[in-house]
């Protein structure tokens, strides 16, 4: 899941080298934190959060194969 979020985020931003993705896992859930450059924050979130929702939807669909709950947070 971490790699999936990283590939999507790097494709969206102007500074792909500043994309940092961390993954924390428990028995039935997974938390993924996405950190990008401050100037790229708007590109990752999108208008009214549409791009962020799309990223979460794609990750949720990929995680359904493994029967895990995934939370994607975009942090500064």
PDB file of N, CA and C in Angstrom:
ATOM      1  N   UNK A   1       0.810  -1.183   0.000  1.00  0.00           N
ATOM      2  CA  UNK A   1       0.000   0.000   0.000  1.00  0.00           C
ATOM      3  C   UNK A   1       0.864   1.262   0.000  1.00  0.00           C
ATOM      4  N   UNK A   2       1.956   1.197   0.749  1.00  0.00           N
ATOM      5  CA  UNK A   2       2.854   2.343   0.831  1.00  0.00           C
ATOM      6  C   UNK A   2       3.374   2.724  -0.548  1.00  0.00           C
ATOM      7  N   UNK A   3       3.743   1.734  -1.336  1.00  0.00           N
ATOM      8  CA  UNK A   3       4.279   1.991  -2.665  1.00  0.00           C
ATOM      9  C   UNK A   3       3.223   2.597  -3.580  1.00  0.00           C
ATOM     10  N   UNK A   4       1.989   2.137  -3.447  1.00  0.00           N
ATOM     11  CA  UNK A   4       0.893   2.650  -4.258  1.00  0.00           C
ATOM     12  C   UNK A   4       0.675   4.138  -3.994  1.00  0.00           C
ATOM     13  N   UNK A   5       0.611   4.527  -2.735  1.00  0.00           N
ATOM     14  CA  UNK A   5       0.422   5.933  -2.380  1.00  0.00           C
ATOM     15  C   UNK A   5       1.601   6.768  -2.867  1.00  0.00           C
ATOM     16  N   UNK A   6       2.794   6.220  -2.731  1.00  0.00           N
ATOM     17  CA  UNK A   6       3.992   6.948  -3.146  1.00  0.00           C
ATOM     18  C   UNK A   6       4.006   7.197  -4.649  1.00  0.00           C
ATOM     19  N   UNK A   7       3.642   6.206  -5.441  1.00  0.00           N
ATOM     20  CA  UNK A   7       3.617   6.353  -6.901  1.00  0.00           C
ATOM     21  C   UNK A   7       2.582   7.395  -7.311  1.00  0.00           C
ATOM     22  N   UNK A   8       1.406   7.340  -6.711  1.00  0.00           N
ATOM     23  CA  UNK A   8       0.350   8.302  -7.048  1.00  0.00           C
ATOM     24  C   UNK A   8       0.775   9.714  -6.674  1.00  0.00           C
ATOM     25  N   UNK A   9       1.329   9.886  -5.476  1.00  0.00           N
ATOM     26  CA  UNK A   9       1.721  11.220  -5.010  1.00  0.00           C
ATOM     27  C   UNK A   9       2.856  11.790  -5.849  1.00  0.00           C
ATOM     28  N   UNK A  10       3.833  10.965  -6.182  1.00  0.00           N
ATOM     29  CA  UNK A  10       4.959  11.455  -6.990  1.00  0.00           C
ATOM     30  C   UNK A  10       4.511  11.905  -8.374  1.00  0.00           C
ATOM     31  N   UNK A  11       3.468  11.290  -8.900  1.00  0.00           N
ATOM     32  CA  UNK A  11       2.954  11.687 -10.213  1.00  0.00           C
ATOM     33  C   UNK A  11       2.220  13.023 -10.161  1.00  0.00           C
ATOM     34  N   UNK A  12       1.717  13.399  -9.002  1.00  0.00           N
ATOM     35  CA  UNK A  12       0.912  14.610  -8.876  1.00  0.00           C
ATOM     36  C   UNK A  12       1.720  15.871  -8.571  1.00  0.00           C
ATOM     37  N   UNK A  13       2.828  15.740  -7.858  1.00  0.00           N
ATOM     38  CA  UNK A  13       3.526  16.907  -7.312  1.00  0.00           C
ATOM     39  C   UNK A  13       4.645  17.403  -8.220  1.00  0.00           C
ATOM     40  N   UNK A  14       5.099  18.636  -7.941  1.00  0.00           N
ATOM     41  CA  UNK A  14       6.218  19.220  -8.680  1.00  0.00           C
ATOM     42  C   UNK A  14       7.564  18.838  -8.080  1.00  0.00           C
ATOM     43  N   UNK A  15       7.573  18.478  -6.803  1.00  0.00           N
ATOM     44  CA  UNK A  15       8.808  18.092  -6.107  1.00  0.00           C
ATOM     45  C   UNK A  15       8.683  16.645  -5.639  1.00  0.00           C
ATOM     46  N   UNK A  16       8.835  15.678  -6.550  1.00  0.00           N
ATOM     47  CA  UNK A  16       8.637  14.272  -6.174  1.00  0.00           C
ATOM     48  C   UNK A  16       9.669  13.738  -5.186  1.00  0.00           C
ATOM     49  N   UNK A  17      10.823  14.383  -5.106  1.00  0.00           N
ATOM     50  CA  UNK A  17      11.847  13.916  -4.172  1.00  0.00           C
ATOM     51  C   UNK A  17      11.497  14.243  -2.718  1.00  0.00           C
ATOM     52  N   UNK A  18      10.523  15.128  -2.494  1.00  0.00           N
ATOM     53  CA  UNK A  18      10.122  15.493  -1.141  1.00  0.00           C
ATOM     54  C   UNK A  18       8.907  14.705  -0.636  1.00  0.00           C
ATOM     55  N   UNK A  19       8.463  13.726  -1.411  1.00  0.00           N
ATOM     56  CA  UNK A  19       7.338  12.889  -0.999  1.00  0.00           C
ATOM     57  C   UNK A  19       7.838  11.846  -0.002  1.00  0.00           C
ATOM     58  N   UNK A  20       7.199  11.800   1.168  1.00  0.00           N
ATOM     59  CA  UNK A  20       7.555  10.828   2.202  1.00  0.00           C
ATOM     60  C   UNK A  20       6.279  10.096   2.614  1.00  0.00           C
ATOM     61  N   UNK A  21       6.327   8.772   2.547  1.00  0.00           N
ATOM     62  CA  UNK A  21       5.178   7.958   2.930  1.00  0.00           C
ATOM     63  C   UNK A  21       5.614   7.019   4.042  1.00  0.00           C
ATOM     64  N   UNK A  22       4.867   7.043   5.146  1.00  0.00           N
ATOM     65  CA  UNK A  22       5.147   6.122   6.251  1.00  0.00           C
ATOM     66  C   UNK A  22       3.925   5.247   6.483  1.00  0.00           C
ATOM     67  N   UNK A  23       4.183   4.025   6.861  1.00  0.00           N
ATOM     68  CA  UNK A  23       3.107   3.048   7.048  1.00  0.00           C
ATOM     69  C   UNK A  23       3.221   2.426   8.424  1.00  0.00           C
ATOM     70  N   UNK A  24       2.108   2.449   9.161  1.00  0.00           N
ATOM     71  CA  UNK A  24       2.016   1.814  10.467  1.00  0.00           C
ATOM     72  C   UNK A  24       0.947   0.744  10.374  1.00  0.00           C
ATOM     73  N   UNK A  25       1.276  -0.447  10.829  1.00  0.00           N
ATOM     74  CA  UNK A  25       0.361  -1.574  10.640  1.00  0.00           C
ATOM     75  C   UNK A  25       0.032  -2.241  11.966  1.00  0.00           C
ATOM     76  N   UNK A  26      -1.237  -2.604  12.116  1.00  0.00           N
ATOM     77  CA  UNK A  26      -1.662  -3.423  13.244  1.00  0.00           C
ATOM     78  C   UNK A  26      -2.297  -4.690  12.679  1.00  0.00           C
ATOM     79  N   UNK A  27      -2.960  -5.451  13.512  1.00  0.00           N
ATOM     80  CA  UNK A  27      -3.485  -6.744  13.058  1.00  0.00           C
ATOM     81  C   UNK A  27      -4.550  -6.613  11.979  1.00  0.00           C
ATOM     82  N   UNK A  28      -5.469  -5.668  12.117  1.00  0.00           N
ATOM     83  CA  UNK A  28      -6.555  -5.571  11.136  1.00  0.00           C
ATOM     84  C   UNK A  28      -6.636  -4.228  10.438  1.00  0.00           C
ATOM     85  N   UNK A  29      -5.731  -3.308  10.757  1.00  0.00           N
ATOM     86  CA  UNK A  29      -5.788  -1.998  10.111  1.00  0.00           C
ATOM     87  C   UNK A  29      -4.388  -1.504   9.768  1.00  0.00           C
ATOM     88  N   UNK A  30      -4.373  -0.480   8.943  1.00  0.00           N
ATOM     89  CA  UNK A  30      -3.123   0.080   8.468  1.00  0.00           C
ATOM     90  C   UNK A  30      -3.291   1.589   8.372  1.00  0.00           C
ATOM     91  N   UNK A  31      -2.299   2.350   8.806  1.00  0.00           N
ATOM     92  CA  UNK A  31      -2.323   3.803   8.701  1.00  0.00           C
ATOM     93  C   UNK A  31      -1.177   4.244   7.813  1.00  0.00           C
ATOM     94  N   UNK A  32      -1.503   5.027   6.796  1.00  0.00           N
ATOM     95  CA  UNK A  32      -0.507   5.528   5.864  1.00  0.00           C
ATOM     96  C   UNK A  32      -0.504   7.047   5.961  1.00  0.00           C
ATOM     97  N   UNK A  33       0.673   7.620   6.215  1.00  0.00           N
ATOM     98  CA  UNK A  33       0.819   9.070   6.283  1.00  0.00           C
ATOM     99  C   UNK A  33       1.602   9.549   5.074  1.00  0.00           C
ATOM    100  N   UNK A  34       1.059  10.540   4.403  1.00  0.00           N
ATOM    101  CA  UNK A  34       1.671  11.116   3.208  1.00  0.00           C
ATOM    102  C   UNK A  34       2.125  12.528   3.530  1.00  0.00           C
ATOM    103  N   UNK A  35       3.397  12.794   3.307  1.00  0.00           N
ATOM    104  CA  UNK A  35       3.944  14.124   3.551  1.00  0.00           C
ATOM    105  C   UNK A  35       4.559  14.632   2.252  1.00  0.00           C
ATOM    106  N   UNK A  36       4.166  15.843   1.845  1.00  0.00           N
ATOM    107  CA  UNK A  36       4.690  16.450   0.624  1.00  0.00           C
ATOM    108  C   UNK A  36       5.186  17.856   0.949  1.00  0.00           C
ATOM    109  N   UNK A  37       5.831  18.483  -0.022  1.00  0.00           N
ATOM    110  CA  UNK A  37       6.303  19.858   0.151  1.00  0.00           C
ATOM    111  C   UNK A  37       5.096  20.778   0.357  1.00  0.00           C
ATOM    112  N   UNK A  38       5.245  21.817   1.158  1.00  0.00           N
ATOM    113  CA  UNK A  38       4.113  22.732   1.396  1.00  0.00           C
ATOM    114  C   UNK A  38       3.520  23.316   0.115  1.00  0.00           C
ATOM    115  N   UNK A  39       4.349  23.561  -0.881  1.00  0.00           N
ATOM    116  CA  UNK A  39       3.835  24.123  -2.138  1.00  0.00           C
ATOM    117  C   UNK A  39       3.025  23.102  -2.940  1.00  0.00           C
ATOM    118  N   UNK A  40       3.206  21.815  -2.663  1.00  0.00           N
ATOM    119  CA  UNK A  40       2.483  20.762  -3.375  1.00  0.00           C
ATOM    120  C   UNK A  40       1.245  20.273  -2.630  1.00  0.00           C
ATOM    121  N   UNK A  41       0.975  20.819  -1.469  1.00  0.00           N
ATOM    122  CA  UNK A  41      -0.137  20.343  -0.655  1.00  0.00           C
ATOM    123  C   UNK A  41      -1.468  20.477  -1.389  1.00  0.00           C
ATOM    124  N   UNK A  42      -1.680  21.574  -2.065  1.00  0.00           N
ATOM    125  CA  UNK A  42      -2.926  21.785  -2.793  1.00  0.00           C
ATOM    126  C   UNK A  42      -3.127  20.812  -3.932  1.00  0.00           C
ATOM    127  N   UNK A  43      -2.037  20.400  -4.555  1.00  0.00           N
ATOM    128  CA  UNK A  43      -2.132  19.444  -5.660  1.00  0.00           C
ATOM    129  C   UNK A  43      -2.526  18.059  -5.179  1.00  0.00           C
ATOM    130  N   UNK A  44      -2.103  17.704  -3.993  1.00  0.00           N
ATOM    131  CA  UNK A  44      -2.425  16.387  -3.448  1.00  0.00           C
ATOM    132  C   UNK A  44      -3.844  16.361  -2.884  1.00  0.00           C
ATOM    133  N   UNK A  45      -4.276  17.489  -2.332  1.00  0.00           N
ATOM    134  CA  UNK A  45      -5.628  17.543  -1.755  1.00  0.00           C
ATOM    135  C   UNK A  45      -6.666  17.799  -2.842  1.00  0.00           C
ATOM    136  N   UNK A  46      -6.400  18.713  -3.740  1.00  0.00           N
ATOM    137  CA  UNK A  46      -7.334  19.012  -4.825  1.00  0.00           C
ATOM    138  C   UNK A  46      -8.472  19.908  -4.381  1.00  0.00           C
ATOM    139  N   UNK A  47      -9.268  20.318  -5.339  1.00  0.00           N
ATOM    140  CA  UNK A  47     -10.410  21.173  -5.040  1.00  0.00           C
ATOM    141  C   UNK A  47     -11.439  20.396  -4.232  1.00  0.00           C
ATOM    142  N   UNK A  48     -11.798  20.972  -3.106  1.00  0.00           N
ATOM    143  CA  UNK A  48     -12.762  20.375  -2.176  1.00  0.00           C
ATOM    144  C   UNK A  48     -12.375  18.949  -1.783  1.00  0.00           C
ATOM    145  N   UNK A  49     -11.073  18.648  -1.822  1.00  0.00           N
ATOM    146  CA  UNK A  49     -10.594  17.344  -1.376  1.00  0.00           C
ATOM    147  C   UNK A  49     -10.840  16.204  -2.339  1.00  0.00           C
ATOM    148  N   UNK A  50     -11.115  16.510  -3.593  1.00  0.00           N
ATOM    149  CA  UNK A  50     -11.455  15.452  -4.553  1.00  0.00           C
ATOM    150  C   UNK A  50     -10.298  14.501  -4.832  1.00  0.00           C
ATOM    151  N   UNK A  51      -9.096  15.022  -4.971  1.00  0.00           N
ATOM    152  CA  UNK A  51      -7.945  14.158  -5.259  1.00  0.00           C
ATOM    153  C   UNK A  51      -7.612  13.311  -4.033  1.00  0.00           C
ATOM    154  N   UNK A  52      -7.697  13.903  -2.853  1.00  0.00           N
ATOM    155  CA  UNK A  52      -7.444  13.141  -1.626  1.00  0.00           C
ATOM    156  C   UNK A  52      -8.463  12.014  -1.488  1.00  0.00           C
ATOM    157  N   UNK A  53      -9.720  12.285  -1.798  1.00  0.00           N
ATOM    158  CA  UNK A  53     -10.755  11.244  -1.738  1.00  0.00           C
ATOM    159  C   UNK A  53     -10.475  10.144  -2.754  1.00  0.00           C
ATOM    160  N   UNK A  54     -10.003  10.531  -3.932  1.00  0.00           N
ATOM    161  CA  UNK A  54      -9.694   9.540  -4.964  1.00  0.00           C
ATOM    162  C   UNK A  54      -8.530   8.651  -4.543  1.00  0.00           C
ATOM    163  N   UNK A  55      -7.506   9.244  -3.939  1.00  0.00           N
ATOM    164  CA  UNK A  55      -6.368   8.460  -3.450  1.00  0.00           C
ATOM    165  C   UNK A  55      -6.846   7.468  -2.390  1.00  0.00           C
ATOM    166  N   UNK A  56      -7.681   7.948  -1.468  1.00  0.00           N
ATOM    167  CA  UNK A  56      -8.200   7.069  -0.423  1.00  0.00           C
ATOM    168  C   UNK A  56      -9.044   5.939  -1.008  1.00  0.00           C
ATOM    169  N   UNK A  57      -9.824   6.241  -2.044  1.00  0.00           N
ATOM    170  CA  UNK A  57     -10.667   5.213  -2.671  1.00  0.00           C
ATOM    171  C   UNK A  57      -9.825   4.130  -3.337  1.00  0.00           C
ATOM    172  N   UNK A  58      -8.778   4.534  -4.041  1.00  0.00           N
ATOM    173  CA  UNK A  58      -7.909   3.571  -4.717  1.00  0.00           C
ATOM    174  C   UNK A  58      -7.205   2.681  -3.694  1.00  0.00           C
ATOM    175  N   UNK A  59      -6.702   3.280  -2.626  1.00  0.00           N
ATOM    176  CA  UNK A  59      -6.008   2.509  -1.599  1.00  0.00           C
ATOM    177  C   UNK A  59      -6.977   1.571  -0.884  1.00  0.00           C
ATOM    178  N   UNK A  60      -8.186   2.060  -0.629  1.00  0.00           N
ATOM    179  CA  UNK A  60      -9.193   1.215   0.020  1.00  0.00           C
ATOM    180  C   UNK A  60      -9.547   0.014  -0.849  1.00  0.00           C
ATOM    181  N   UNK A  61      -9.662   0.224  -2.153  1.00  0.00           N
ATOM    182  CA  UNK A  61      -9.960  -0.879  -3.066  1.00  0.00           C
ATOM    183  C   UNK A  61      -8.816  -1.884  -3.095  1.00  0.00           C
ATOM    184  N   UNK A  62      -7.583  -1.407  -3.087  1.00  0.00           N
ATOM    185  CA  UNK A  62      -6.434  -2.310  -3.087  1.00  0.00           C
ATOM    186  C   UNK A  62      -6.335  -3.068  -1.763  1.00  0.00           C
ATOM    187  N   UNK A  63      -6.721  -2.429  -0.664  1.00  0.00           N
ATOM    188  CA  UNK A  63      -6.628  -3.068   0.648  1.00  0.00           C
ATOM    189  C   UNK A  63      -7.737  -4.089   0.871  1.00  0.00           C
ATOM    190  N   UNK A  64      -8.808  -3.982   0.112  1.00  0.00           N
ATOM    191  CA  UNK A  64      -9.908  -4.928   0.300  1.00  0.00           C
ATOM    192  C   UNK A  64      -9.494  -6.354  -0.047  1.00  0.00           C
ATOM    193  N   UNK A  65      -8.486  -6.510  -0.868  1.00  0.00           N
ATOM    194  CA  UNK A  65      -7.951  -7.844  -1.182  1.00  0.00           C
ATOM    195  C   UNK A  65      -7.378  -8.524   0.053  1.00  0.00           C
ATOM    196  N   UNK A  66      -6.779  -7.714   0.923  1.00  0.00           N
ATOM    197  CA  UNK A  66      -6.118  -8.245   2.111  1.00  0.00           C
ATOM    198  C   UNK A  66      -7.014  -8.196   3.345  1.00  0.00           C
ATOM    199  N   UNK A  67      -8.260  -7.787   3.188  1.00  0.00           N
ATOM    200  CA  UNK A  67      -9.211  -7.651   4.295  1.00  0.00           C
ATOM    201  C   UNK A  67      -8.656  -6.776   5.416  1.00  0.00           C
ATOM    202  N   UNK A  68      -8.082  -5.642   5.046  1.00  0.00           N
ATOM    203  CA  UNK A  68      -7.543  -4.706   6.025  1.00  0.00           C
ATOM    204  C   UNK A  68      -8.234  -3.364   5.865  1.00  0.00           C
ATOM    205  N   UNK A  69      -8.328  -2.655   6.969  1.00  0.00           N
ATOM    206  CA  UNK A  69      -8.874  -1.293   6.961  1.00  0.00           C
ATOM    207  C   UNK A  69      -7.695  -0.339   6.813  1.00  0.00           C
ATOM    208  N   UNK A  70      -7.823   0.624   5.913  1.00  0.00           N
ATOM    209  CA  UNK A  70      -6.715   1.536   5.638  1.00  0.00           C
ATOM    210  C   UNK A  70      -7.156   2.969   5.897  1.00  0.00           C
ATOM    211  N   UNK A  71      -6.296   3.726   6.570  1.00  0.00           N
ATOM    212  CA  UNK A  71      -6.510   5.148   6.797  1.00  0.00           C
ATOM    213  C   UNK A  71      -5.353   5.885   6.133  1.00  0.00           C
ATOM    214  N   UNK A  72      -5.687   6.820   5.249  1.00  0.00           N
ATOM    215  CA  UNK A  72      -4.667   7.622   4.574  1.00  0.00           C
ATOM    216  C   UNK A  72      -4.762   9.046   5.099  1.00  0.00           C
ATOM    217  N   UNK A  73      -3.688   9.530   5.721  1.00  0.00           N
ATOM    218  CA  UNK A  73      -3.621  10.895   6.242  1.00  0.00           C
ATOM    219  C   UNK A  73      -2.612  11.684   5.461  1.00  0.00           C
ATOM    220  N   UNK A  74      -2.963  12.918   5.135  1.00  0.00           N
ATOM    221  CA  UNK A  74      -2.039  13.833   4.484  1.00  0.00           C
ATOM    222  C   UNK A  74      -1.595  14.838   5.551  1.00  0.00           C
ATOM    223  N   UNK A  75      -0.311  14.817   5.884  1.00  0.00           N
ATOM    224  CA  UNK A  75       0.214  15.639   6.974  1.00  0.00           C
ATOM    225  C   UNK A  75       1.233  16.638   6.450  1.00  0.00           C
ATOM    226  N   UNK A  76       1.483  17.655   7.271  1.00  0.00           N
ATOM    227  CA  UNK A  76       2.482  18.653   6.906  1.00  0.00           C
ATOM    228  C   UNK A  76       3.785  18.377   7.568  1.00  0.00           C
TER     229      UNK A  76
END
